[in-house]
Amino acid sequence: MSLDGKLLGRAKLRLEVKKREKQELHTRRTDEVYAKCPRIRELDQELKSSVIDVIGIAFRKGSDPTEDIACIRDNNLYLQSERIQALMSAGFPYDYLDDESLCRKCGDTGYVGTEICSCLMDLYREEQRAALSNLFKLGNETFDNFDLSFYDDTPDHTPSARDKMEIVYDTCLDYARKFERKKTSLYLSGSTGLGKTFLSACIARVVSDKGFSVVYDTAASIFSKFEEEKFDKSDDLTAARDEIRRYLACDLLIMDDLGTEMITAFTISALYELVNTRLISNKKTIINSNLSADELYQKYSPQIASRIKGEYHVLNFYGRDIRLVKKGL
């Protein structure tokens, strides 16, 4: 599993903001308490001084520090008790100035040892959902909301469009649930409005919730980043290069609307690089297209078509445009 560096950076920034806000709140509360009850400031200073005293005693040579440290400990307990009473007498909760971490597991570092903590992972998932907002347009893209009744159950031939789409649905559901064990990519082929993007979003939602990095973009947008990186003469191409790295390195790339872009020798080359690089590095891809797998030979190149037909699981979508079916047309 690889995390998207761009989104992880955003998640870390949000964690830092949360830590800063917590510290600012603690500072405001401290100023408020000290202004109302100066004795608490004195108690805090005495408690801090006692820590320095303990360190000095511990490193002192020639005598047993046990008794002196015990005296400091007893005095500290007395000071802490007085501090609590002073806070409550001033009208504050006893724990009003406690400066606890937002996350006890990691102490707000975002990591437990070398493993990412659940607090940072939750922020990462939120960033990933936001990044996939163009894919999650309706907000209801889940397998439970995929309605097979929109597909004709009256077969011109056996099986019917609904029967065929039920197989497509089951395949996509299994792919999402067992993503970490799957070895193949998916090529979703069919006319406009048959549910290719919807089922891609369903897969993306499940896979991203598992913590895998998912990147969604249209073919035209992806190729434009490759063109910018190749032909743009400006000094700063960091953004384009970062996006290309995301396309190549993410656990799951969803490329939408392949075949609707302006096809040139360069876009064919970029598509080959993308498909081939991800296959070599065992990264999974979902490609949505109105083109059949056979039409890839005419539109792109035999090399691209061969890799997709040979290495991808091709799922053909059937039926009528669901948007028209919903309108009764």
C-alpha atoms as a PDB file:
ATOM      1  CA  MET A   1       0.000   0.000   0.000  1.00  0.00           C
ATOM      2  CA  SER A   2       1.358   3.408  -0.956  1.00  0.00           C
ATOM      3  CA  LEU A   3      -0.038   6.703   0.258  1.00  0.00           C
ATOM      4  CA  ASP A   4      -0.436   9.679  -2.047  1.00  0.00           C
ATOM      5  CA  GLY A   5       2.385  12.044  -1.050  1.00  0.00           C
ATOM      6  CA  LYS A   6       0.430  15.139  -2.059  1.00  0.00           C
ATOM      7  CA  LEU A   7      -2.590  14.185   0.043  1.00  0.00           C
ATOM      8  CA  LEU A   8      -0.444  12.989   2.947  1.00  0.00           C
ATOM      9  CA  GLY A   9       1.252  16.389   2.956  1.00  0.00           C
ATOM     10  CA  ARG A  10      -2.143  18.065   3.212  1.00  0.00           C
ATOM     11  CA  ALA A  11      -3.147  15.739   6.043  1.00  0.00           C
ATOM     12  CA  LYS A  12       0.064  16.516   7.951  1.00  0.00           C
ATOM     13  CA  LEU A  13      -0.541  20.236   7.476  1.00  0.00           C
ATOM     14  CA  ARG A  14      -4.042  19.866   8.910  1.00  0.00           C
ATOM     15  CA  LEU A  15      -2.614  17.974  11.892  1.00  0.00           C
ATOM     16  CA  GLU A  16      -0.142  20.805  12.478  1.00  0.00           C
ATOM     17  CA  VAL A  17      -2.999  23.314  12.328  1.00  0.00           C
ATOM     18  CA  LYS A  18      -4.933  21.300  14.914  1.00  0.00           C
ATOM     19  CA  LYS A  19      -1.856  21.210  17.180  1.00  0.00           C
ATOM     20  CA  ARG A  20      -1.325  24.952  16.793  1.00  0.00           C
ATOM     21  CA  GLU A  21      -4.981  25.683  17.555  1.00  0.00           C
ATOM     22  CA  LYS A  22      -4.779  23.484  20.655  1.00  0.00           C
ATOM     23  CA  GLN A  23      -1.660  25.304  21.827  1.00  0.00           C
ATOM     24  CA  GLU A  24      -3.247  28.697  21.177  1.00  0.00           C
ATOM     25  CA  LEU A  25      -6.301  27.660  23.203  1.00  0.00           C
ATOM     26  CA  HIS A  26      -4.075  26.530  26.065  1.00  0.00           C
ATOM     27  CA  THR A  27      -2.183  29.836  25.963  1.00  0.00           C
ATOM     28  CA  ARG A  28      -5.430  31.833  26.071  1.00  0.00           C
ATOM     29  CA  ARG A  29      -6.719  29.787  28.976  1.00  0.00           C
ATOM     30  CA  THR A  30      -3.448  30.172  30.851  1.00  0.00           C
ATOM     31  CA  ASP A  31      -3.502  33.954  30.418  1.00  0.00           C
ATOM     32  CA  GLU A  32      -7.132  34.011  31.548  1.00  0.00           C
ATOM     33  CA  VAL A  33      -6.415  31.985  34.690  1.00  0.00           C
ATOM     34  CA  TYR A  34      -3.253  33.882  35.623  1.00  0.00           C
ATOM     35  CA  ALA A  35      -5.079  37.192  35.281  1.00  0.00           C
ATOM     36  CA  LYS A  36      -7.858  36.034  37.587  1.00  0.00           C
ATOM     37  CA  CYS A  37      -5.726  34.076  40.053  1.00  0.00           C
ATOM     38  CA  PRO A  38      -2.021  35.110  40.226  1.00  0.00           C
ATOM     39  CA  ARG A  39      -1.388  32.418  42.852  1.00  0.00           C
ATOM     40  CA  ILE A  40      -1.755  29.742  40.143  1.00  0.00           C
ATOM     41  CA  ARG A  41       1.069  31.356  38.172  1.00  0.00           C
ATOM     42  CA  GLU A  42       3.247  31.141  41.288  1.00  0.00           C
ATOM     43  CA  LEU A  43       2.329  27.484  41.785  1.00  0.00           C
ATOM     44  CA  ASP A  44       3.184  26.661  38.167  1.00  0.00           C
ATOM     45  CA  GLN A  45       6.561  28.363  38.521  1.00  0.00           C
ATOM     46  CA  GLU A  46       7.280  26.402  41.712  1.00  0.00           C
ATOM     47  CA  LEU A  47       6.347  23.130  40.000  1.00  0.00           C
ATOM     48  CA  LYS A  48       8.637  23.901  37.051  1.00  0.00           C
ATOM     49  CA  SER A  49      11.488  24.785  39.406  1.00  0.00           C
ATOM     50  CA  SER A  50      11.080  21.486  41.214  1.00  0.00           C
ATOM     51  CA  VAL A  51      11.809  19.615  37.977  1.00  0.00           C
ATOM     52  CA  ILE A  52      15.133  21.438  37.693  1.00  0.00           C
ATOM     53  CA  ASP A  53      15.838  20.639  41.354  1.00  0.00           C
ATOM     54  CA  VAL A  54      15.249  16.921  40.773  1.00  0.00           C
ATOM     55  CA  ILE A  55      17.643  16.907  37.811  1.00  0.00           C
ATOM     56  CA  GLY A  56      20.298  18.659  39.879  1.00  0.00           C
ATOM     57  CA  ILE A  57      19.901  16.218  42.761  1.00  0.00           C
ATOM     58  CA  ALA A  58      20.000  13.203  40.447  1.00  0.00           C
ATOM     59  CA  PHE A  59      23.388  14.273  39.058  1.00  0.00           C
ATOM     60  CA  ARG A  60      24.824  15.304  42.421  1.00  0.00           C
ATOM     61  CA  LYS A  61      27.790  13.225  43.468  1.00  0.00           C
ATOM     62  CA  GLY A  62      28.688  11.897  46.865  1.00  0.00           C
ATOM     63  CA  SER A  63      25.253  11.403  48.462  1.00  0.00           C
ATOM     64  CA  ASP A  64      22.106   9.312  48.116  1.00  0.00           C
ATOM     65  CA  PRO A  65      19.452  11.459  46.376  1.00  0.00           C
ATOM     66  CA  THR A  66      16.510   9.238  47.377  1.00  0.00           C
ATOM     67  CA  GLU A  67      15.420  11.194  50.459  1.00  0.00           C
ATOM     68  CA  ASP A  68      15.721  14.613  48.783  1.00  0.00           C
ATOM     69  CA  ILE A  69      13.769  13.452  45.738  1.00  0.00           C
ATOM     70  CA  ALA A  70      11.055  12.029  48.002  1.00  0.00           C
ATOM     71  CA  CYS A  71      10.746  15.408  49.729  1.00  0.00           C
ATOM     72  CA  ILE A  72      10.381  17.181  46.385  1.00  0.00           C
ATOM     73  CA  ARG A  73       7.771  14.637  45.303  1.00  0.00           C
ATOM     74  CA  ASP A  74       5.711  15.171  48.461  1.00  0.00           C
ATOM     75  CA  ASN A  75       5.939  18.935  48.053  1.00  0.00           C
ATOM     76  CA  ASN A  76       4.856  18.616  44.412  1.00  0.00           C
ATOM     77  CA  LEU A  77       1.781  16.645  45.401  1.00  0.00           C
ATOM     78  CA  TYR A  78       0.884  19.373  47.878  1.00  0.00           C
ATOM     79  CA  LEU A  79       1.402  22.105  45.255  1.00  0.00           C
ATOM     80  CA  GLN A  80      -0.718  20.211  42.699  1.00  0.00           C
ATOM     81  CA  SER A  81      -3.511  19.823  45.238  1.00  0.00           C
ATOM     82  CA  GLU A  82      -3.370  23.531  46.064  1.00  0.00           C
ATOM     83  CA  ARG A  83      -3.404  24.339  42.339  1.00  0.00           C
ATOM     84  CA  ILE A  84      -6.580  22.317  41.771  1.00  0.00           C
ATOM     85  CA  GLN A  85      -8.285  24.002  44.722  1.00  0.00           C
ATOM     86  CA  ALA A  86      -7.213  27.425  43.470  1.00  0.00           C
ATOM     87  CA  LEU A  87      -8.596  26.712  39.982  1.00  0.00           C
ATOM     88  CA  MET A  88     -11.944  25.568  41.309  1.00  0.00           C
ATOM     89  CA  SER A  89     -12.166  28.453  43.779  1.00  0.00           C
ATOM     90  CA  ALA A  90     -11.623  30.835  40.850  1.00  0.00           C
ATOM     91  CA  GLY A  91     -14.540  29.211  39.001  1.00  0.00           C
ATOM     92  CA  PHE A  92     -12.583  27.024  36.578  1.00  0.00           C
ATOM     93  CA  PRO A  93     -12.836  23.239  36.081  1.00  0.00           C
ATOM     94  CA  TYR A  94     -10.023  21.382  37.821  1.00  0.00           C
ATOM     95  CA  ASP A  95      -8.601  20.249  34.447  1.00  0.00           C
ATOM     96  CA  TYR A  96      -9.011  23.620  32.693  1.00  0.00           C
ATOM     97  CA  LEU A  97      -5.260  24.007  32.116  1.00  0.00           C
ATOM     98  CA  ASP A  98      -4.478  20.389  31.283  1.00  0.00           C
ATOM     99  CA  ASP A  99      -2.397  20.296  28.099  1.00  0.00           C
ATOM    100  CA  GLU A 100      -3.115  16.795  26.845  1.00  0.00           C
ATOM    101  CA  SER A 101      -2.335  15.571  23.355  1.00  0.00           C
ATOM    102  CA  LEU A 102      -5.120  15.411  20.804  1.00  0.00           C
ATOM    103  CA  CYS A 103      -4.137  11.785  20.231  1.00  0.00           C
ATOM    104  CA  ARG A 104      -2.830   9.716  23.109  1.00  0.00           C
ATOM    105  CA  LYS A 105      -1.501   7.004  20.813  1.00  0.00           C
ATOM    106  CA  CYS A 106       1.020   9.144  18.950  1.00  0.00           C
ATOM    107  CA  GLY A 107       1.273  12.319  21.043  1.00  0.00           C
ATOM    108  CA  ASP A 108       0.175  14.324  17.977  1.00  0.00           C
ATOM    109  CA  THR A 109       3.209  13.294  15.909  1.00  0.00           C
ATOM    110  CA  GLY A 110       1.059  11.362  13.443  1.00  0.00           C
ATOM    111  CA  TYR A 111       3.178   8.238  13.819  1.00  0.00           C
ATOM    112  CA  VAL A 112       3.484   5.378  16.283  1.00  0.00           C
ATOM    113  CA  GLY A 113       7.052   4.278  15.741  1.00  0.00           C
ATOM    114  CA  THR A 114       7.369   4.076  11.966  1.00  0.00           C
ATOM    115  CA  GLU A 115       3.665   3.349  11.406  1.00  0.00           C
ATOM    116  CA  ILE A 116       1.187   6.066  10.512  1.00  0.00           C
ATOM    117  CA  CYS A 117      -1.229   6.726  13.372  1.00  0.00           C
ATOM    118  CA  SER A 118      -4.990   6.390  12.956  1.00  0.00           C
ATOM    119  CA  CYS A 119      -5.436  10.122  13.669  1.00  0.00           C
ATOM    120  CA  LEU A 120      -3.305  11.095  10.668  1.00  0.00           C
ATOM    121  CA  MET A 121      -4.799   8.307   8.576  1.00  0.00           C
ATOM    122  CA  ASP A 122      -8.302   9.664   9.230  1.00  0.00           C
ATOM    123  CA  LEU A 123      -7.204  13.081   7.955  1.00  0.00           C
ATOM    124  CA  TYR A 124      -5.595  11.423   4.928  1.00  0.00           C
ATOM    125  CA  ARG A 125      -8.841   9.627   4.099  1.00  0.00           C
ATOM    126  CA  GLU A 126     -10.732  12.916   4.327  1.00  0.00           C
ATOM    127  CA  GLU A 127      -8.257  14.494   1.911  1.00  0.00           C
ATOM    128  CA  GLN A 128      -8.596  11.557  -0.449  1.00  0.00           C
ATOM    129  CA  ARG A 129     -12.395  11.818  -0.431  1.00  0.00           C
ATOM    130  CA  ALA A 130     -12.079  15.536  -1.179  1.00  0.00           C
ATOM    131  CA  ALA A 131      -9.641  14.823  -4.016  1.00  0.00           C
ATOM    132  CA  LEU A 132     -12.113  12.324  -5.449  1.00  0.00           C
ATOM    133  CA  SER A 133     -15.001  14.786  -5.238  1.00  0.00           C
ATOM    134  CA  ASN A 134     -15.151  15.042  -9.043  1.00  0.00           C
ATOM    135  CA  LEU A 135     -15.786  11.308  -9.117  1.00  0.00           C
ATOM    136  CA  PHE A 136     -18.205  11.329  -6.177  1.00  0.00           C
ATOM    137  CA  LYS A 137     -20.447  13.891  -7.852  1.00  0.00           C
ATOM    138  CA  LEU A 138     -23.761  12.666  -6.496  1.00  0.00           C
ATOM    139  CA  GLY A 139     -22.581  11.449  -3.115  1.00  0.00           C
ATOM    140  CA  ASN A 140     -24.495   8.173  -3.459  1.00  0.00           C
ATOM    141  CA  GLU A 141     -21.941   6.194  -5.433  1.00  0.00           C
ATOM    142  CA  THR A 142     -22.058   2.948  -3.470  1.00  0.00           C
ATOM    143  CA  PHE A 143     -22.668  -0.599  -4.557  1.00  0.00           C
ATOM    144  CA  ASP A 144     -25.898  -0.641  -2.547  1.00  0.00           C
ATOM    145  CA  ASN A 145     -27.197   2.222  -4.690  1.00  0.00           C
ATOM    146  CA  PHE A 146     -26.441   0.598  -8.036  1.00  0.00           C
ATOM    147  CA  ASP A 147     -29.892  -0.158  -9.466  1.00  0.00           C
ATOM    148  CA  LEU A 148     -30.044  -3.065 -11.896  1.00  0.00           C
ATOM    149  CA  SER A 149     -33.716  -2.344 -12.622  1.00  0.00           C
ATOM    150  CA  PHE A 150     -32.600   0.372 -15.070  1.00  0.00           C
ATOM    151  CA  TYR A 151     -31.311  -2.363 -17.367  1.00  0.00           C
ATOM    152  CA  ASP A 152     -33.712  -4.166 -19.681  1.00  0.00           C
ATOM    153  CA  ASP A 153     -34.699  -7.616 -18.461  1.00  0.00           C
ATOM    154  CA  THR A 154     -36.312  -8.573 -21.775  1.00  0.00           C
ATOM    155  CA  PRO A 155     -33.656 -10.417 -23.755  1.00  0.00           C
ATOM    156  CA  ASP A 156     -33.286  -9.973 -27.480  1.00  0.00           C
ATOM    157  CA  HIS A 157     -30.838 -12.741 -26.963  1.00  0.00           C
ATOM    158  CA  THR A 158     -30.014 -14.745 -23.881  1.00  0.00           C
ATOM    159  CA  PRO A 159     -28.851 -13.440 -21.468  1.00  0.00           C
ATOM    160  CA  SER A 160     -30.570 -10.041 -21.120  1.00  0.00           C
ATOM    161  CA  ALA A 161     -28.821  -6.704 -20.574  1.00  0.00           C
ATOM    162  CA  ARG A 162     -29.742  -6.943 -16.889  1.00  0.00           C
ATOM    163  CA  ASP A 163     -28.277 -10.437 -16.617  1.00  0.00           C
ATOM    164  CA  LYS A 164     -25.048  -9.246 -18.222  1.00  0.00           C
ATOM    165  CA  MET A 165     -24.867  -6.142 -16.034  1.00  0.00           C
ATOM    166  CA  GLU A 166     -25.423  -8.232 -12.922  1.00  0.00           C
ATOM    167  CA  ILE A 167     -22.235 -10.101 -13.817  1.00  0.00           C
ATOM    168  CA  VAL A 168     -20.443  -6.761 -14.351  1.00  0.00           C
ATOM    169  CA  TYR A 169     -21.724  -5.525 -10.986  1.00  0.00           C
ATOM    170  CA  ASP A 170     -20.623  -8.687  -9.158  1.00  0.00           C
ATOM    171  CA  THR A 171     -17.189  -8.493 -10.784  1.00  0.00           C
ATOM    172  CA  CYS A 172     -16.713  -4.855  -9.734  1.00  0.00           C
ATOM    173  CA  LEU A 173     -17.923  -5.558  -6.189  1.00  0.00           C
ATOM    174  CA  ASP A 174     -15.522  -8.482  -5.846  1.00  0.00           C
ATOM    175  CA  TYR A 175     -12.704  -6.351  -7.280  1.00  0.00           C
ATOM    176  CA  ALA A 176     -13.287  -3.634  -4.678  1.00  0.00           C
ATOM    177  CA  ARG A 177     -13.622  -5.992  -1.729  1.00  0.00           C
ATOM    178  CA  LYS A 178     -10.535  -8.025  -2.657  1.00  0.00           C
ATOM    179  CA  PHE A 179      -8.526  -5.184  -4.167  1.00  0.00           C
ATOM    180  CA  GLU A 180      -5.337  -5.967  -2.262  1.00  0.00           C
ATOM    181  CA  ARG A 181      -5.346  -9.505  -3.692  1.00  0.00           C
ATOM    182  CA  LYS A 182      -6.285  -8.603  -7.253  1.00  0.00           C
ATOM    183  CA  LYS A 183      -3.556  -8.665  -9.896  1.00  0.00           C
ATOM    184  CA  THR A 184      -5.391  -7.291 -12.928  1.00  0.00           C
ATOM    185  CA  SER A 185      -6.662  -3.892 -14.010  1.00  0.00           C
ATOM    186  CA  LEU A 186     -10.132  -3.198 -15.431  1.00  0.00           C
ATOM    187  CA  TYR A 187     -11.229  -1.854 -18.810  1.00  0.00           C
ATOM    188  CA  LEU A 188     -14.871  -0.747 -18.644  1.00  0.00           C
ATOM    189  CA  SER A 189     -16.300  -0.442 -22.139  1.00  0.00           C
ATOM    190  CA  GLY A 190     -19.707   0.725 -23.285  1.00  0.00           C
ATOM    191  CA  SER A 191     -21.850   3.560 -24.548  1.00  0.00           C
ATOM    192  CA  THR A 192     -22.490   6.763 -22.619  1.00  0.00           C
ATOM    193  CA  GLY A 193     -24.768   6.542 -19.590  1.00  0.00           C
ATOM    194  CA  LEU A 194     -24.450   2.843 -18.786  1.00  0.00           C
ATOM    195  CA  GLY A 195     -22.843   3.237 -15.351  1.00  0.00           C
ATOM    196  CA  LYS A 196     -19.111   2.959 -16.040  1.00  0.00           C
ATOM    197  CA  THR A 197     -18.164   6.040 -14.035  1.00  0.00           C
ATOM    198  CA  PHE A 198     -20.683   5.185 -11.301  1.00  0.00           C
ATOM    199  CA  LEU A 199     -19.247   1.710 -10.747  1.00  0.00           C
ATOM    200  CA  SER A 200     -15.719   3.146 -10.898  1.00  0.00           C
ATOM    201  CA  ALA A 201     -16.724   5.521  -8.107  1.00  0.00           C
ATOM    202  CA  CYS A 202     -18.155   2.627  -6.101  1.00  0.00           C
ATOM    203  CA  ILE A 203     -14.833   0.801  -6.398  1.00  0.00           C
ATOM    204  CA  ALA A 204     -12.872   3.953  -5.559  1.00  0.00           C
ATOM    205  CA  ARG A 205     -14.926   4.558  -2.415  1.00  0.00           C
ATOM    206  CA  VAL A 206     -14.289   1.062  -1.059  1.00  0.00           C
ATOM    207  CA  VAL A 207     -10.607   0.999  -2.020  1.00  0.00           C
ATOM    208  CA  SER A 208      -9.846   4.483  -0.653  1.00  0.00           C
ATOM    209  CA  ASP A 209     -11.600   3.660   2.630  1.00  0.00           C
ATOM    210  CA  LYS A 210      -9.136   0.786   2.997  1.00  0.00           C
ATOM    211  CA  GLY A 211      -6.293   3.311   2.902  1.00  0.00           C
ATOM    212  CA  PHE A 212      -5.079   2.728  -0.645  1.00  0.00           C
ATOM    213  CA  SER A 213      -4.167   5.755  -2.736  1.00  0.00           C
ATOM    214  CA  VAL A 214      -6.722   6.410  -5.470  1.00  0.00           C
ATOM    215  CA  VAL A 215      -6.387   9.054  -8.188  1.00  0.00           C
ATOM    216  CA  TYR A 216      -9.205   9.927 -10.583  1.00  0.00           C
ATOM    217  CA  ASP A 217      -8.955  12.081 -13.695  1.00  0.00           C
ATOM    218  CA  THR A 218     -10.224  12.248 -17.247  1.00  0.00           C
ATOM    219  CA  ALA A 219      -8.026  11.059 -20.085  1.00  0.00           C
ATOM    220  CA  ALA A 220      -7.930  14.582 -21.533  1.00  0.00           C
ATOM    221  CA  SER A 221      -6.735  16.063 -18.242  1.00  0.00           C
ATOM    222  CA  ILE A 222      -4.115  13.354 -17.741  1.00  0.00           C
ATOM    223  CA  PHE A 223      -2.679  13.833 -21.217  1.00  0.00           C
ATOM    224  CA  SER A 224      -2.649  17.615 -20.771  1.00  0.00           C
ATOM    225  CA  LYS A 225      -0.319  17.167 -17.767  1.00  0.00           C
ATOM    226  CA  PHE A 226       2.010  15.028 -19.872  1.00  0.00           C
ATOM    227  CA  GLU A 227       1.944  17.681 -22.622  1.00  0.00           C
ATOM    228  CA  GLU A 228       2.649  20.463 -20.124  1.00  0.00           C
ATOM    229  CA  GLU A 229       5.618  18.587 -18.695  1.00  0.00           C
ATOM    230  CA  LYS A 230       6.959  17.836 -22.188  1.00  0.00           C
ATOM    231  CA  PHE A 231       6.388  21.074 -24.083  1.00  0.00           C
ATOM    232  CA  ASP A 232       5.909  23.890 -21.568  1.00  0.00           C
ATOM    233  CA  LYS A 233       9.061  26.042 -21.477  1.00  0.00           C
ATOM    234  CA  SER A 234       8.298  27.756 -18.170  1.00  0.00           C
ATOM    235  CA  ASP A 235      10.792  27.398 -15.351  1.00  0.00           C
ATOM    236  CA  ASP A 236       8.404  25.856 -12.828  1.00  0.00           C
ATOM    237  CA  LEU A 237       6.879  22.563 -13.931  1.00  0.00           C
ATOM    238  CA  THR A 238       6.661  21.182 -10.411  1.00  0.00           C
ATOM    239  CA  ALA A 239       2.862  20.927 -10.393  1.00  0.00           C
ATOM    240  CA  ALA A 240       2.676  18.997 -13.669  1.00  0.00           C
ATOM    241  CA  ARG A 241       5.487  16.653 -12.665  1.00  0.00           C
ATOM    242  CA  ASP A 242       3.892  16.030  -9.270  1.00  0.00           C
ATOM    243  CA  GLU A 243       0.606  15.116 -10.961  1.00  0.00           C
ATOM    244  CA  ILE A 244       2.348  12.739 -13.358  1.00  0.00           C
ATOM    245  CA  ARG A 245       4.097  11.068 -10.416  1.00  0.00           C
ATOM    246  CA  ARG A 246       0.685  10.620  -8.789  1.00  0.00           C
ATOM    247  CA  TYR A 247      -0.707   9.041 -11.961  1.00  0.00           C
ATOM    248  CA  LEU A 248       2.194   6.618 -12.154  1.00  0.00           C
ATOM    249  CA  ALA A 249       2.579   5.757  -8.473  1.00  0.00           C
ATOM    250  CA  CYS A 250      -0.922   5.577  -6.949  1.00  0.00           C
ATOM    251  CA  ASP A 251      -2.368   2.203  -5.947  1.00  0.00           C
ATOM    252  CA  LEU A 252      -5.396   2.707  -8.192  1.00  0.00           C
ATOM    253  CA  LEU A 253      -5.656   5.114 -11.116  1.00  0.00           C
ATOM    254  CA  ILE A 254      -9.089   5.706 -12.635  1.00  0.00           C
ATOM    255  CA  MET A 255      -8.908   7.172 -16.136  1.00  0.00           C
ATOM    256  CA  ASP A 256     -12.302   8.333 -17.354  1.00  0.00           C
ATOM    257  CA  ASP A 257     -13.544   9.000 -20.896  1.00  0.00           C
ATOM    258  CA  LEU A 258     -10.648   7.497 -22.834  1.00  0.00           C
ATOM    259  CA  GLY A 259     -11.290   8.118 -26.519  1.00  0.00           C
ATOM    260  CA  THR A 260     -13.061  11.464 -26.125  1.00  0.00           C
ATOM    261  CA  GLU A 261      -9.792  13.429 -26.063  1.00  0.00           C
ATOM    262  CA  MET A 262      -8.064  14.752 -29.174  1.00  0.00           C
ATOM    263  CA  ILE A 263      -5.927  11.803 -30.208  1.00  0.00           C
ATOM    264  CA  THR A 264      -2.443  12.692 -31.429  1.00  0.00           C
ATOM    265  CA  ALA A 265       0.884  10.932 -31.721  1.00  0.00           C
ATOM    266  CA  PHE A 266       1.797  12.456 -28.381  1.00  0.00           C
ATOM    267  CA  THR A 267      -1.334  11.296 -26.527  1.00  0.00           C
ATOM    268  CA  ILE A 268      -0.796   7.792 -27.918  1.00  0.00           C
ATOM    269  CA  SER A 269       2.774   7.877 -26.603  1.00  0.00           C
ATOM    270  CA  ALA A 270       1.615   9.192 -23.211  1.00  0.00           C
ATOM    271  CA  LEU A 271      -1.068   6.505 -22.941  1.00  0.00           C
ATOM    272  CA  TYR A 272       1.466   3.801 -23.735  1.00  0.00           C
ATOM    273  CA  GLU A 273       3.864   5.155 -21.100  1.00  0.00           C
ATOM    274  CA  LEU A 274       1.107   5.288 -18.510  1.00  0.00           C
ATOM    275  CA  VAL A 275      -0.307   1.833 -19.209  1.00  0.00           C
ATOM    276  CA  ASN A 276       3.085   0.165 -19.567  1.00  0.00           C
ATOM    277  CA  THR A 277       4.686   1.806 -16.517  1.00  0.00           C
ATOM    278  CA  ARG A 278       1.790   0.873 -14.261  1.00  0.00           C
ATOM    279  CA  LEU A 279       1.740  -2.705 -15.543  1.00  0.00           C
ATOM    280  CA  ILE A 280       5.472  -3.097 -14.948  1.00  0.00           C
ATOM    281  CA  SER A 281       5.166  -1.722 -11.401  1.00  0.00           C
ATOM    282  CA  ASN A 282       2.084  -3.875 -10.664  1.00  0.00           C
ATOM    283  CA  LYS A 283      -0.146  -0.838 -10.145  1.00  0.00           C
ATOM    284  CA  LYS A 284      -3.837  -1.314 -10.889  1.00  0.00           C
ATOM    285  CA  THR A 285      -5.804   0.895 -13.258  1.00  0.00           C
ATOM    286  CA  ILE A 286      -9.439   1.294 -14.248  1.00  0.00           C
ATOM    287  CA  ILE A 287     -10.013   2.738 -17.715  1.00  0.00           C
ATOM    288  CA  ASN A 288     -13.506   3.848 -18.743  1.00  0.00           C
ATOM    289  CA  SER A 289     -14.162   4.235 -22.454  1.00  0.00           C
ATOM    290  CA  ASN A 290     -16.887   4.292 -25.085  1.00  0.00           C
ATOM    291  CA  LEU A 291     -14.468   2.320 -27.261  1.00  0.00           C
ATOM    292  CA  SER A 292     -14.535  -1.446 -27.416  1.00  0.00           C
ATOM    293  CA  ALA A 293     -11.256  -3.188 -26.729  1.00  0.00           C
ATOM    294  CA  ASP A 294     -11.000  -4.014 -30.443  1.00  0.00           C
ATOM    295  CA  GLU A 295     -11.465  -0.344 -31.425  1.00  0.00           C
ATOM    296  CA  LEU A 296      -8.300   0.510 -29.489  1.00  0.00           C
ATOM    297  CA  TYR A 297      -6.305  -0.954 -32.384  1.00  0.00           C
ATOM    298  CA  GLN A 298      -7.687   1.670 -34.783  1.00  0.00           C
ATOM    299  CA  LYS A 299      -7.722   4.634 -32.381  1.00  0.00           C
ATOM    300  CA  TYR A 300      -4.373   4.123 -30.658  1.00  0.00           C
ATOM    301  CA  SER A 301      -1.797   1.448 -31.425  1.00  0.00           C
ATOM    302  CA  PRO A 302      -1.483  -2.349 -31.530  1.00  0.00           C
ATOM    303  CA  GLN A 303       0.933  -2.184 -28.576  1.00  0.00           C
ATOM    304  CA  ILE A 304      -1.585  -0.360 -26.370  1.00  0.00           C
ATOM    305  CA  ALA A 305      -4.511  -2.506 -27.506  1.00  0.00           C
ATOM    306  CA  SER A 306      -2.513  -5.685 -26.926  1.00  0.00           C
ATOM    307  CA  ARG A 307      -1.572  -4.714 -23.392  1.00  0.00           C
ATOM    308  CA  ILE A 308      -5.104  -3.741 -22.448  1.00  0.00           C
ATOM    309  CA  LYS A 309      -6.736  -6.799 -24.040  1.00  0.00           C
ATOM    310  CA  GLY A 310      -4.068  -9.107 -22.648  1.00  0.00           C
ATOM    311  CA  GLU A 311      -3.451  -7.662 -19.184  1.00  0.00           C
ATOM    312  CA  TYR A 312      -6.771  -6.003 -18.255  1.00  0.00           C
ATOM    313  CA  HIS A 313     -10.068  -7.623 -17.360  1.00  0.00           C
ATOM    314  CA  VAL A 314     -12.404  -6.216 -20.028  1.00  0.00           C
ATOM    315  CA  LEU A 315     -15.970  -5.593 -18.830  1.00  0.00           C
ATOM    316  CA  ASN A 316     -18.513  -4.703 -21.496  1.00  0.00           C
ATOM    317  CA  PHE A 317     -21.517  -2.627 -20.368  1.00  0.00           C
ATOM    318  CA  TYR A 318     -24.962  -3.177 -21.872  1.00  0.00           C
ATOM    319  CA  GLY A 319     -28.349  -1.481 -21.980  1.00  0.00           C
ATOM    320  CA  ARG A 320     -29.729   1.975 -22.736  1.00  0.00           C
ATOM    321  CA  ASP A 321     -28.571   5.362 -21.438  1.00  0.00           C
ATOM    322  CA  ILE A 322     -29.808   5.381 -17.835  1.00  0.00           C
ATOM    323  CA  ARG A 323     -30.339   9.142 -17.939  1.00  0.00           C
ATOM    324  CA  LEU A 324     -32.888   8.645 -20.715  1.00  0.00           C
ATOM    325  CA  VAL A 325     -34.462   5.653 -18.990  1.00  0.00           C
ATOM    326  CA  LYS A 326     -35.008   7.754 -15.857  1.00  0.00           C
ATOM    327  CA  LYS A 327     -36.802  10.360 -17.982  1.00  0.00           C
ATOM    328  CA  GLY A 328     -38.972   7.684 -19.557  1.00  0.00           C
ATOM    329  CA  LEU A 329     -37.540   8.320 -23.015  1.00  0.00           C
END
